[in-house]
Each structure stands twice: as C-alpha cells, then as structure tokens.
Amino acid sequence: MAKQAAVTFFHQSGFTVAVGKTLLIFSYWQAGEDKIPESHRLSDRDFKGFNNIVVFVPRNSAEHHDPVIYTWKKSFPITYVVSADAKDAVPDDVTARFIREGESLSVANVRVSAFGSTDAGVSLLVKTGGLHIFHAGDLNLWHWREENTLREITRAEDEFYRVVASLPNEKLDICMFPVDPNLGGFYDAGANHFIMARKPSVFFPMHWGSRTEIAEDYARRMHTAHTTVHALTEPRETAVIDFSVKPPLIRDTLAERKVFGRGVLPQEINVDLNVYISSDDPFSETDLPVDLPGQE
C-alpha cells in the first residue's frame, strides 16, 4: 500500500488525487474565473512527471463534465473514464472508456469499479498503489424533509442504503462525498450514514457550493474512531496524507491560515501537483504545519 497521497480540491466536486506517479482527476469543473482563477486551474504543467493520468466523469452534467478536460495535450498519458450517460457528450476525436453501474475496468495500474447513484451517473471506487479511493459523484441521500412525503423519503432512503450496501466490504482510504446545504436541516444525513456504514479513513466533504462554512463545520464536529473528516475549501488547497501512521497524518497547504488566522489569501497559494512525485516521502522537505485530528 502507498504510504502517501496528495488530495487537491478545485471546485464543487472536483478533486485530484496523486498516488506515486499516478494522477486521478475527478469531476473537474472550472465554472468560470469567479470560481477558479486562471492561475489555479489544472493545466498541462500539472501533468509532467506522471506516468498515468486518469480523468473521471461520473455523470453528464456541467458540475462533473467540463469540456476543458478534452483540451489537455494528447501527448500526456491521459485516459478518460466516463459514465455511460455522458457518452454522447464526448468529442469524436477523444478515446474514452465508458462505464456503467456494476462494471469494472483497468487502466494501467488503476482498477475502477462503478456503483450506483441516487441521481444520474455512477459513483466510483478506484484502486491504485494499494489505496482504495471513493468518489461519490451525485450519490447522496437526496430528500427534503420539509417538502417530501413520507413515502418519497422512504423510497430515497431505501435506494441510498442499497447503493451504499453494494460497496465491497473493504477498507476505504479516501472518500469524497456530498454535504449539500440545499437539502436543509438533514443536509448531512447521507454523509453521516456513509461514514458510519463504510468507515473511510479520510473523508472530504464536497458539493457544498459556495458555503465553505458548511464543509468546515462538518469537519470540526464529525470525527469518529475510524474516520477523520478534513475540509478543503479553496481552489488548489491540498491535503498530503501519510497512511503509515494511525490515524493518518494530514498536512494542509492552507493549515496555517485556518489554525492561526494569518490571512493568507487563496491567490497566494498555487500548488504544483507534480512536486509530490519527486520523492518517495513528500514530507521529507516540508515545514508545513501539522494538523492533527481532534487537536484544537
């Protein structure tokens, strides 16, 4: 199993996960300069040094399927793994692998399995470097207690529980899952159930829109003996995770701003993803502050 991984947040449900010389890109969406400044967007410079780059599109919607992903240079070792519902939206000159619920495929040293969603598309379990990484796509307990009928709520719960139970009984190292305030008072019900049922080691809230306080509050209060919740809220904010210790040690590129309130602006941070593949130990030459779970 890989000892380290670097998880970088971009916007909404968009993340990259770097494991050794493999880069995984999930639901990348630029959403205009007001969301991701040009200096913080993914670009070809981020791909240098990686032997394998896999771009995942879990559903065909703007929030998960930005056409910009097809403009990256073809000379890089990029493979697109796309939910079958987005097949017609993939340009004709792009070679992509399409996947449906219940299907699995392998791309170089990456194994991908698709599971259900309680909206369109699929959720994805990705295995590489001995790590198990889950991106929920739009899998969530989607219901509005204040508006839906009891029958509608029960149906939503049953379908959500079915999909979660269909995941293999294996340890999840990294999980990215919706915590959407649009759901009202029970906005975190799906995330809470997923954490209690699947016990991921490190959990990243996503799909919270512009409500950074939702992700940060959830990370502050939702810790269990098995799961550390960590909020990434700024474009290119990165958590470098050391899995060689328990619980995993997480170092955050913006931890100093969060812990000490020194007012570091997002535009002052521009993480180069490929720095994490220059050494077997990405912690060896860093003075980033340590953000220990549960420590005030």
C-alpha atoms as a PDB file:
ATOM      1  CA  MET A   1       0.000   0.000   0.000  1.00  0.00           C
ATOM      2  CA  ALA A   2       1.203   3.506  -0.824  1.00  0.00           C
ATOM      3  CA  LYS A   3       2.237   5.451   2.260  1.00  0.00           C
ATOM      4  CA  GLN A   4       1.225   8.860   0.936  1.00  0.00           C
ATOM      5  CA  ALA A   5      -1.360  10.522  -1.249  1.00  0.00           C
ATOM      6  CA  ALA A   6      -1.966  14.180  -2.106  1.00  0.00           C
ATOM      7  CA  VAL A   7      -5.616  15.234  -2.433  1.00  0.00           C
ATOM      8  CA  THR A   8      -6.222  18.636  -4.072  1.00  0.00           C
ATOM      9  CA  PHE A   9      -9.567  20.426  -4.191  1.00  0.00           C
ATOM     10  CA  PHE A  10     -10.619  22.640  -7.107  1.00  0.00           C
ATOM     11  CA  HIS A  11     -14.345  23.394  -7.045  1.00  0.00           C
ATOM     12  CA  GLN A  12     -17.661  21.752  -6.103  1.00  0.00           C
ATOM     13  CA  SER A  13     -16.927  18.017  -6.562  1.00  0.00           C
ATOM     14  CA  GLY A  14     -13.609  18.439  -8.367  1.00  0.00           C
ATOM     15  CA  PHE A  15     -10.501  16.845  -6.884  1.00  0.00           C
ATOM     16  CA  THR A  16      -7.226  15.338  -7.920  1.00  0.00           C
ATOM     17  CA  VAL A  17      -5.567  12.507  -6.024  1.00  0.00           C
ATOM     18  CA  ALA A  18      -1.851  11.914  -6.623  1.00  0.00           C
ATOM     19  CA  VAL A  19      -0.563   8.477  -5.615  1.00  0.00           C
ATOM     20  CA  GLY A  20       3.057   7.967  -6.573  1.00  0.00           C
ATOM     21  CA  LYS A  21       3.306   8.651 -10.311  1.00  0.00           C
ATOM     22  CA  THR A  22      -0.422   8.198 -10.890  1.00  0.00           C
ATOM     23  CA  LEU A  23      -2.751  11.205 -11.003  1.00  0.00           C
ATOM     24  CA  LEU A  24      -6.512  10.734 -10.659  1.00  0.00           C
ATOM     25  CA  ILE A  25      -8.800  13.619 -11.671  1.00  0.00           C
ATOM     26  CA  PHE A  26     -12.442  13.559 -10.521  1.00  0.00           C
ATOM     27  CA  SER A  27     -15.333  15.779 -11.703  1.00  0.00           C
ATOM     28  CA  TYR A  28     -13.117  18.649 -12.785  1.00  0.00           C
ATOM     29  CA  TRP A  29     -15.173  21.804 -13.411  1.00  0.00           C
ATOM     30  CA  GLN A  30     -13.699  25.280 -13.850  1.00  0.00           C
ATOM     31  CA  ALA A  31     -17.056  27.100 -13.660  1.00  0.00           C
ATOM     32  CA  GLY A  32     -15.628  30.463 -14.743  1.00  0.00           C
ATOM     33  CA  GLU A  33     -12.917  32.676 -13.340  1.00  0.00           C
ATOM     34  CA  ASP A  34     -15.039  33.664 -10.351  1.00  0.00           C
ATOM     35  CA  LYS A  35     -14.814  30.054  -9.145  1.00  0.00           C
ATOM     36  CA  ILE A  36     -11.283  29.053 -10.142  1.00  0.00           C
ATOM     37  CA  PRO A  37      -8.859  31.842 -11.049  1.00  0.00           C
ATOM     38  CA  GLU A  38      -6.828  31.093 -14.161  1.00  0.00           C
ATOM     39  CA  SER A  39      -3.639  30.647 -12.107  1.00  0.00           C
ATOM     40  CA  HIS A  40      -5.327  27.896 -10.078  1.00  0.00           C
ATOM     41  CA  ARG A  41      -6.788  25.832 -12.907  1.00  0.00           C
ATOM     42  CA  LEU A  42      -5.476  22.449 -13.906  1.00  0.00           C
ATOM     43  CA  SER A  43      -3.150  22.703 -16.867  1.00  0.00           C
ATOM     44  CA  ASP A  44      -0.516  20.733 -18.730  1.00  0.00           C
ATOM     45  CA  ARG A  45       2.165  21.844 -16.288  1.00  0.00           C
ATOM     46  CA  ASP A  46       0.460  19.735 -13.602  1.00  0.00           C
ATOM     47  CA  PHE A  47       0.831  16.556 -15.641  1.00  0.00           C
ATOM     48  CA  LYS A  48       4.610  16.471 -16.021  1.00  0.00           C
ATOM     49  CA  GLY A  49       6.236  13.519 -14.314  1.00  0.00           C
ATOM     50  CA  PHE A  50       3.129  11.384 -14.012  1.00  0.00           C
ATOM     51  CA  ASN A  51       3.226   8.034 -15.792  1.00  0.00           C
ATOM     52  CA  ASN A  52      -0.524   7.566 -15.668  1.00  0.00           C
ATOM     53  CA  ILE A  53      -3.314  10.166 -15.597  1.00  0.00           C
ATOM     54  CA  VAL A  54      -6.944   9.060 -15.336  1.00  0.00           C
ATOM     55  CA  VAL A  55      -9.774  11.582 -15.702  1.00  0.00           C
ATOM     56  CA  PHE A  56     -13.147  10.510 -14.276  1.00  0.00           C
ATOM     57  CA  VAL A  57     -16.556  11.827 -15.357  1.00  0.00           C
ATOM     58  CA  PRO A  58     -19.187  10.280 -13.042  1.00  0.00           C
ATOM     59  CA  ARG A  59     -22.198  11.878 -14.774  1.00  0.00           C
ATOM     60  CA  ASN A  60     -23.161  14.076 -17.697  1.00  0.00           C
ATOM     61  CA  SER A  61     -23.737  17.464 -16.074  1.00  0.00           C
ATOM     62  CA  ALA A  62     -21.744  20.691 -16.110  1.00  0.00           C
ATOM     63  CA  GLU A  63     -20.662  20.213 -12.496  1.00  0.00           C
ATOM     64  CA  HIS A  64     -18.942  16.931 -13.345  1.00  0.00           C
ATOM     65  CA  HIS A  65     -18.177  17.158 -17.077  1.00  0.00           C
ATOM     66  CA  ASP A  66     -16.308  20.269 -18.192  1.00  0.00           C
ATOM     67  CA  PRO A  67     -15.286  20.079 -21.899  1.00  0.00           C
ATOM     68  CA  VAL A  68     -11.975  21.715 -20.978  1.00  0.00           C
ATOM     69  CA  ILE A  69     -10.697  18.281 -19.921  1.00  0.00           C
ATOM     70  CA  TYR A  70     -10.508  17.327 -23.617  1.00  0.00           C
ATOM     71  CA  THR A  71      -8.221  20.254 -24.446  1.00  0.00           C
ATOM     72  CA  TRP A  72      -5.282  18.914 -22.451  1.00  0.00           C
ATOM     73  CA  LYS A  73      -2.357  17.787 -24.577  1.00  0.00           C
ATOM     74  CA  LYS A  74      -2.730  14.341 -26.086  1.00  0.00           C
ATOM     75  CA  SER A  75       0.986  13.743 -25.550  1.00  0.00           C
ATOM     76  CA  PHE A  76       0.363  13.147 -21.842  1.00  0.00           C
ATOM     77  CA  PRO A  77      -0.666   9.620 -20.746  1.00  0.00           C
ATOM     78  CA  ILE A  78      -4.294  10.608 -20.148  1.00  0.00           C
ATOM     79  CA  THR A  79      -7.179   8.134 -20.106  1.00  0.00           C
ATOM     80  CA  TYR A  80     -10.808   9.245 -19.760  1.00  0.00           C
ATOM     81  CA  VAL A  81     -13.195   7.039 -17.775  1.00  0.00           C
ATOM     82  CA  VAL A  82     -16.693   8.353 -18.396  1.00  0.00           C
ATOM     83  CA  SER A  83     -20.130   7.391 -17.127  1.00  0.00           C
ATOM     84  CA  ALA A  84     -22.118   5.826 -19.957  1.00  0.00           C
ATOM     85  CA  ASP A  85     -24.786   8.550 -19.674  1.00  0.00           C
ATOM     86  CA  ALA A  86     -22.183  11.080 -20.899  1.00  0.00           C
ATOM     87  CA  LYS A  87     -21.151   9.098 -23.972  1.00  0.00           C
ATOM     88  CA  ASP A  88     -22.816  11.439 -26.482  1.00  0.00           C
ATOM     89  CA  ALA A  89     -21.082  14.462 -24.933  1.00  0.00           C
ATOM     90  CA  VAL A  90     -17.554  13.133 -25.525  1.00  0.00           C
ATOM     91  CA  PRO A  91     -15.905  14.580 -28.663  1.00  0.00           C
ATOM     92  CA  ASP A  92     -15.473  12.162 -31.562  1.00  0.00           C
ATOM     93  CA  ASP A  93     -11.688  12.554 -31.561  1.00  0.00           C
ATOM     94  CA  VAL A  94     -11.351  11.544 -27.894  1.00  0.00           C
ATOM     95  CA  THR A  95     -10.739   7.941 -26.865  1.00  0.00           C
ATOM     96  CA  ALA A  96     -12.661   7.220 -23.683  1.00  0.00           C
ATOM     97  CA  ARG A  97     -13.610   4.174 -21.640  1.00  0.00           C
ATOM     98  CA  PHE A  98     -17.299   4.124 -20.715  1.00  0.00           C
ATOM     99  CA  ILE A  99     -18.599   2.525 -17.549  1.00  0.00           C
ATOM    100  CA  ARG A 100     -21.992   1.645 -16.037  1.00  0.00           C
ATOM    101  CA  GLU A 101     -23.134   0.578 -12.598  1.00  0.00           C
ATOM    102  CA  GLY A 102     -21.850  -2.919 -11.871  1.00  0.00           C
ATOM    103  CA  GLU A 103     -18.983  -2.725 -14.370  1.00  0.00           C
ATOM    104  CA  SER A 104     -15.240  -2.651 -13.708  1.00  0.00           C
ATOM    105  CA  LEU A 105     -12.235  -1.890 -15.872  1.00  0.00           C
ATOM    106  CA  SER A 106      -8.473  -1.494 -15.576  1.00  0.00           C
ATOM    107  CA  VAL A 107      -6.326   1.358 -16.861  1.00  0.00           C
ATOM    108  CA  ALA A 108      -2.609   0.635 -16.433  1.00  0.00           C
ATOM    109  CA  ASN A 109      -2.191   0.256 -12.667  1.00  0.00           C
ATOM    110  CA  VAL A 110      -5.655   1.642 -11.832  1.00  0.00           C
ATOM    111  CA  ARG A 111      -8.709  -0.544 -11.195  1.00  0.00           C
ATOM    112  CA  VAL A 112     -12.086   1.204 -11.494  1.00  0.00           C
ATOM    113  CA  SER A 113     -15.479  -0.106 -10.366  1.00  0.00           C
ATOM    114  CA  ALA A 114     -18.757   1.739 -10.889  1.00  0.00           C
ATOM    115  CA  PHE A 115     -21.549   1.684  -8.344  1.00  0.00           C
ATOM    116  CA  GLY A 116     -24.967   3.254  -8.303  1.00  0.00           C
ATOM    117  CA  SER A 117     -26.029   6.843  -7.836  1.00  0.00           C
ATOM    118  CA  THR A 118     -29.226   8.240  -6.373  1.00  0.00           C
ATOM    119  CA  ASP A 119     -29.138  10.810  -9.174  1.00  0.00           C
ATOM    120  CA  ALA A 120     -27.749  10.354 -12.694  1.00  0.00           C
ATOM    121  CA  GLY A 121     -24.481   8.617 -13.487  1.00  0.00           C
ATOM    122  CA  VAL A 122     -22.370   6.487 -11.179  1.00  0.00           C
ATOM    123  CA  SER A 123     -20.216   6.561  -8.085  1.00  0.00           C
ATOM    124  CA  LEU A 124     -16.645   5.315  -8.452  1.00  0.00           C
ATOM    125  CA  LEU A 125     -14.324   3.107  -6.434  1.00  0.00           C
ATOM    126  CA  VAL A 126     -10.737   3.424  -7.656  1.00  0.00           C
ATOM    127  CA  LYS A 127      -7.848   1.252  -6.518  1.00  0.00           C
ATOM    128  CA  THR A 128      -4.232   2.182  -7.155  1.00  0.00           C
ATOM    129  CA  GLY A 129      -0.997   1.881  -5.225  1.00  0.00           C
ATOM    130  CA  GLY A 130      -2.793  -0.246  -2.658  1.00  0.00           C
ATOM    131  CA  LEU A 131      -5.156   2.634  -1.799  1.00  0.00           C
ATOM    132  CA  HIS A 132      -8.928   2.462  -2.126  1.00  0.00           C
ATOM    133  CA  ILE A 133     -10.412   5.801  -3.191  1.00  0.00           C
ATOM    134  CA  PHE A 134     -14.156   6.524  -3.450  1.00  0.00           C
ATOM    135  CA  HIS A 135     -15.729   9.471  -5.268  1.00  0.00           C
ATOM    136  CA  ALA A 136     -19.478   9.545  -4.740  1.00  0.00           C
ATOM    137  CA  GLY A 137     -20.385  11.566  -7.830  1.00  0.00           C
ATOM    138  CA  ASP A 138     -24.002  12.520  -7.062  1.00  0.00           C
ATOM    139  CA  LEU A 139     -24.663   9.603  -4.744  1.00  0.00           C
ATOM    140  CA  ASN A 140     -26.358  11.037  -1.674  1.00  0.00           C
ATOM    141  CA  LEU A 141     -29.480  10.766   0.440  1.00  0.00           C
ATOM    142  CA  TRP A 142     -31.376  13.270  -1.681  1.00  0.00           C
ATOM    143  CA  HIS A 143     -34.584  14.258   0.086  1.00  0.00           C
ATOM    144  CA  TRP A 144     -36.133  17.346   1.588  1.00  0.00           C
ATOM    145  CA  ARG A 145     -37.738  16.558   4.956  1.00  0.00           C
ATOM    146  CA  GLU A 146     -39.612  19.839   4.860  1.00  0.00           C
ATOM    147  CA  GLU A 147     -41.163  19.142   1.428  1.00  0.00           C
ATOM    148  CA  ASN A 148     -41.195  15.436   0.535  1.00  0.00           C
ATOM    149  CA  THR A 149     -43.861  12.981   1.601  1.00  0.00           C
ATOM    150  CA  LEU A 150     -43.012  10.139   3.958  1.00  0.00           C
ATOM    151  CA  ARG A 151     -43.296   7.695   1.049  1.00  0.00           C
ATOM    152  CA  GLU A 152     -40.846   9.744  -1.042  1.00  0.00           C
ATOM    153  CA  ILE A 153     -38.401   9.965   1.845  1.00  0.00           C
ATOM    154  CA  THR A 154     -38.611   6.225   2.481  1.00  0.00           C
ATOM    155  CA  ARG A 155     -38.007   5.483  -1.191  1.00  0.00           C
ATOM    156  CA  ALA A 156     -34.974   7.805  -1.239  1.00  0.00           C
ATOM    157  CA  GLU A 157     -33.563   6.227   1.903  1.00  0.00           C
ATOM    158  CA  ASP A 158     -34.042   2.679   0.632  1.00  0.00           C
ATOM    159  CA  GLU A 159     -32.250   3.415  -2.647  1.00  0.00           C
ATOM    160  CA  PHE A 160     -29.390   5.214  -0.933  1.00  0.00           C
ATOM    161  CA  TYR A 161     -28.898   2.431   1.616  1.00  0.00           C
ATOM    162  CA  ARG A 162     -28.966  -0.133  -1.206  1.00  0.00           C
ATOM    163  CA  VAL A 163     -26.154   1.554  -3.103  1.00  0.00           C
ATOM    164  CA  VAL A 164     -24.006   2.045  -0.006  1.00  0.00           C
ATOM    165  CA  ALA A 165     -24.505  -1.601   0.978  1.00  0.00           C
ATOM    166  CA  SER A 166     -23.454  -2.707  -2.517  1.00  0.00           C
ATOM    167  CA  LEU A 167     -19.902  -1.439  -1.987  1.00  0.00           C
ATOM    168  CA  PRO A 168     -17.421  -4.229  -1.233  1.00  0.00           C
ATOM    169  CA  ASN A 169     -16.604  -4.844   2.400  1.00  0.00           C
ATOM    170  CA  GLU A 170     -13.119  -3.405   2.017  1.00  0.00           C
ATOM    171  CA  LYS A 171     -11.315  -0.584   3.746  1.00  0.00           C
ATOM    172  CA  LEU A 172     -11.783   2.825   2.119  1.00  0.00           C
ATOM    173  CA  ASP A 173      -8.738   5.039   2.495  1.00  0.00           C
ATOM    174  CA  ILE A 174     -10.039   8.245   0.877  1.00  0.00           C
ATOM    175  CA  CYS A 175     -13.645   9.289   0.324  1.00  0.00           C
ATOM    176  CA  MET A 176     -15.130  12.371  -1.373  1.00  0.00           C
ATOM    177  CA  PHE A 177     -18.848  12.732  -0.623  1.00  0.00           C
ATOM    178  CA  PRO A 178     -21.596  15.415  -0.876  1.00  0.00           C
ATOM    179  CA  VAL A 179     -22.548  17.574   2.090  1.00  0.00           C
ATOM    180  CA  ASP A 180     -25.096  19.805   0.371  1.00  0.00           C
ATOM    181  CA  PRO A 181     -26.786  22.607   2.368  1.00  0.00           C
ATOM    182  CA  ASN A 182     -29.587  22.799  -0.218  1.00  0.00           C
ATOM    183  CA  LEU A 183     -31.080  19.739   1.474  1.00  0.00           C
ATOM    184  CA  GLY A 184     -31.999  21.797   4.533  1.00  0.00           C
ATOM    185  CA  GLY A 185     -31.798  20.509   8.077  1.00  0.00           C
ATOM    186  CA  PHE A 186     -30.809  16.977   7.088  1.00  0.00           C
ATOM    187  CA  TYR A 187     -28.102  18.046   4.655  1.00  0.00           C
ATOM    188  CA  ASP A 188     -25.520  15.771   6.285  1.00  0.00           C
ATOM    189  CA  ALA A 189     -27.697  12.660   6.708  1.00  0.00           C
ATOM    190  CA  GLY A 190     -26.180  10.865   3.717  1.00  0.00           C
ATOM    191  CA  ALA A 191     -22.612  11.676   4.736  1.00  0.00           C
ATOM    192  CA  ASN A 192     -23.271  10.587   8.317  1.00  0.00           C
ATOM    193  CA  HIS A 193     -24.659   7.245   7.181  1.00  0.00           C
ATOM    194  CA  PHE A 194     -21.792   6.676   4.768  1.00  0.00           C
ATOM    195  CA  ILE A 195     -19.191   7.348   7.459  1.00  0.00           C
ATOM    196  CA  MET A 196     -20.889   5.079   9.986  1.00  0.00           C
ATOM    197  CA  ALA A 197     -21.512   2.286   7.452  1.00  0.00           C
ATOM    198  CA  ARG A 198     -18.254   2.326   5.434  1.00  0.00           C
ATOM    199  CA  LYS A 199     -15.774   3.884   7.914  1.00  0.00           C
ATOM    200  CA  PRO A 200     -13.454   5.616   5.413  1.00  0.00           C
ATOM    201  CA  SER A 201     -10.080   6.624   6.862  1.00  0.00           C
ATOM    202  CA  VAL A 202     -10.161  10.178   5.469  1.00  0.00           C
ATOM    203  CA  PHE A 203     -13.385  11.861   4.347  1.00  0.00           C
ATOM    204  CA  PHE A 204     -13.569  15.062   2.255  1.00  0.00           C
ATOM    205  CA  PRO A 205     -16.897  16.949   2.097  1.00  0.00           C
ATOM    206  CA  MET A 206     -17.859  18.183  -1.379  1.00  0.00           C
ATOM    207  CA  HIS A 207     -20.825  19.632  -3.292  1.00  0.00           C
ATOM    208  CA  TRP A 208     -21.365  22.424  -0.738  1.00  0.00           C
ATOM    209  CA  GLY A 209     -21.401  25.164  -3.388  1.00  0.00           C
ATOM    210  CA  SER A 210     -20.148  28.480  -2.028  1.00  0.00           C
ATOM    211  CA  ARG A 211     -20.887  27.568   1.597  1.00  0.00           C
ATOM    212  CA  THR A 212     -17.363  26.923   2.847  1.00  0.00           C
ATOM    213  CA  GLU A 213     -18.590  27.139   6.438  1.00  0.00           C
ATOM    214  CA  ILE A 214     -20.702  24.020   5.849  1.00  0.00           C
ATOM    215  CA  ALA A 215     -17.647  21.932   4.979  1.00  0.00           C
ATOM    216  CA  GLU A 216     -15.540  23.426   7.775  1.00  0.00           C
ATOM    217  CA  ASP A 217     -18.232  22.943  10.425  1.00  0.00           C
ATOM    218  CA  TYR A 218     -18.811  19.359   9.335  1.00  0.00           C
ATOM    219  CA  ALA A 219     -15.077  18.656   9.577  1.00  0.00           C
ATOM    220  CA  ARG A 220     -14.931  20.148  13.077  1.00  0.00           C
ATOM    221  CA  ARG A 221     -17.743  18.108  14.542  1.00  0.00           C
ATOM    222  CA  MET A 222     -17.778  14.831  12.592  1.00  0.00           C
ATOM    223  CA  HIS A 223     -14.888  12.674  13.759  1.00  0.00           C
ATOM    224  CA  THR A 224     -15.136   9.026  14.700  1.00  0.00           C
ATOM    225  CA  ALA A 225     -12.695   6.410  15.905  1.00  0.00           C
ATOM    226  CA  HIS A 226     -12.327   5.249  12.292  1.00  0.00           C
ATOM    227  CA  THR A 227     -12.725   8.420  10.201  1.00  0.00           C
ATOM    228  CA  THR A 228     -11.023  11.803  10.011  1.00  0.00           C
ATOM    229  CA  VAL A 229     -13.074  14.443   8.193  1.00  0.00           C
ATOM    230  CA  HIS A 230     -10.985  17.129   6.521  1.00  0.00           C
ATOM    231  CA  ALA A 231     -12.374  20.179   4.717  1.00  0.00           C
ATOM    232  CA  LEU A 232     -10.619  21.538   1.636  1.00  0.00           C
ATOM    233  CA  THR A 233     -12.315  24.810   0.720  1.00  0.00           C
ATOM    234  CA  GLU A 234     -10.023  26.861  -1.526  1.00  0.00           C
ATOM    235  CA  PRO A 235      -9.013  26.122  -5.135  1.00  0.00           C
ATOM    236  CA  ARG A 236      -5.774  24.101  -5.101  1.00  0.00           C
ATOM    237  CA  GLU A 237      -5.838  23.578  -1.361  1.00  0.00           C
ATOM    238  CA  THR A 238      -4.060  20.261  -0.873  1.00  0.00           C
ATOM    239  CA  ALA A 239      -4.052  17.674   1.896  1.00  0.00           C
ATOM    240  CA  VAL A 240      -0.981  15.443   1.905  1.00  0.00           C
ATOM    241  CA  ILE A 241      -1.910  12.267   3.745  1.00  0.00           C
ATOM    242  CA  ASP A 242       0.552   9.918   5.422  1.00  0.00           C
ATOM    243  CA  PHE A 243      -1.059   6.492   5.785  1.00  0.00           C
ATOM    244  CA  SER A 244       1.937   4.960   7.559  1.00  0.00           C
ATOM    245  CA  VAL A 245       0.523   6.123  10.910  1.00  0.00           C
ATOM    246  CA  LYS A 246      -2.896   5.670  12.509  1.00  0.00           C
ATOM    247  CA  PRO A 247      -4.901   7.776  12.325  1.00  0.00           C
ATOM    248  CA  PRO A 248      -3.445   9.064   9.043  1.00  0.00           C
ATOM    249  CA  LEU A 249      -1.442  12.271   9.374  1.00  0.00           C
ATOM    250  CA  ILE A 250      -2.803  15.116   7.242  1.00  0.00           C
ATOM    251  CA  ARG A 251      -0.828  18.206   6.269  1.00  0.00           C
ATOM    252  CA  ASP A 252      -2.760  21.002   4.600  1.00  0.00           C
ATOM    253  CA  THR A 253      -1.325  23.716   2.341  1.00  0.00           C
ATOM    254  CA  LEU A 254      -3.630  26.261   3.991  1.00  0.00           C
ATOM    255  CA  ALA A 255      -3.489  24.872   7.525  1.00  0.00           C
ATOM    256  CA  GLU A 256      -1.585  27.877   8.817  1.00  0.00           C
ATOM    257  CA  ARG A 257      -4.308  30.235   7.666  1.00  0.00           C
ATOM    258  CA  LYS A 258      -7.009  28.050   9.183  1.00  0.00           C
ATOM    259  CA  VAL A 259      -5.300  27.425  12.513  1.00  0.00           C
ATOM    260  CA  PHE A 260      -3.562  30.729  13.183  1.00  0.00           C
ATOM    261  CA  GLY A 261      -5.750  33.131  11.201  1.00  0.00           C
ATOM    262  CA  ARG A 262      -2.879  34.869   9.460  1.00  0.00           C
ATOM    263  CA  GLY A 263      -4.965  35.926   6.491  1.00  0.00           C
ATOM    264  CA  VAL A 264      -3.225  34.035   3.689  1.00  0.00           C
ATOM    265  CA  LEU A 265      -5.237  34.741   0.552  1.00  0.00           C
ATOM    266  CA  PRO A 266      -6.159  31.887  -1.803  1.00  0.00           C
ATOM    267  CA  GLN A 267      -4.355  33.543  -4.718  1.00  0.00           C
ATOM    268  CA  GLU A 268      -1.090  33.337  -2.765  1.00  0.00           C
ATOM    269  CA  ILE A 269      -1.259  29.545  -2.872  1.00  0.00           C
ATOM    270  CA  ASN A 270      -0.518  27.765  -6.138  1.00  0.00           C
ATOM    271  CA  VAL A 271       0.297  24.138  -5.537  1.00  0.00           C
ATOM    272  CA  ASP A 272       2.252  22.331  -8.234  1.00  0.00           C
ATOM    273  CA  LEU A 273       0.854  18.807  -8.163  1.00  0.00           C
ATOM    274  CA  ASN A 274       3.904  17.074  -9.556  1.00  0.00           C
ATOM    275  CA  VAL A 275       6.102  18.112  -6.612  1.00  0.00           C
ATOM    276  CA  TYR A 276       4.560  15.223  -4.740  1.00  0.00           C
ATOM    277  CA  ILE A 277       6.106  12.661  -7.072  1.00  0.00           C
ATOM    278  CA  SER A 278       9.682  13.932  -6.757  1.00  0.00           C
ATOM    279  CA  SER A 279      10.391  11.824  -3.693  1.00  0.00           C
ATOM    280  CA  ASP A 280       9.176   8.681  -2.017  1.00  0.00           C
ATOM    281  CA  ASP A 281       8.472  10.829   1.038  1.00  0.00           C
ATOM    282  CA  PRO A 282       6.675  14.114   0.279  1.00  0.00           C
ATOM    283  CA  PHE A 283       7.112  15.140   3.932  1.00  0.00           C
ATOM    284  CA  SER A 284      10.904  14.998   3.842  1.00  0.00           C
ATOM    285  CA  GLU A 285      11.465  18.613   2.802  1.00  0.00           C
ATOM    286  CA  THR A 286       8.438  20.450   4.107  1.00  0.00           C
ATOM    287  CA  ASP A 287       7.789  22.754   7.014  1.00  0.00           C
ATOM    288  CA  LEU A 288       4.011  22.701   6.590  1.00  0.00           C
ATOM    289  CA  PRO A 289       2.281  22.829   9.975  1.00  0.00           C
ATOM    290  CA  VAL A 290       0.837  19.581  11.283  1.00  0.00           C
ATOM    291  CA  ASP A 291      -2.952  19.480  11.597  1.00  0.00           C
ATOM    292  CA  LEU A 292      -3.633  16.580  13.948  1.00  0.00           C
ATOM    293  CA  PRO A 293      -7.211  15.244  14.041  1.00  0.00           C
ATOM    294  CA  GLY A 294      -9.082  16.386  17.113  1.00  0.00           C
ATOM    295  CA  GLN A 295      -6.451  18.929  18.115  1.00  0.00           C
ATOM    296  CA  GLU A 296      -7.680  22.498  18.662  1.00  0.00           C
END
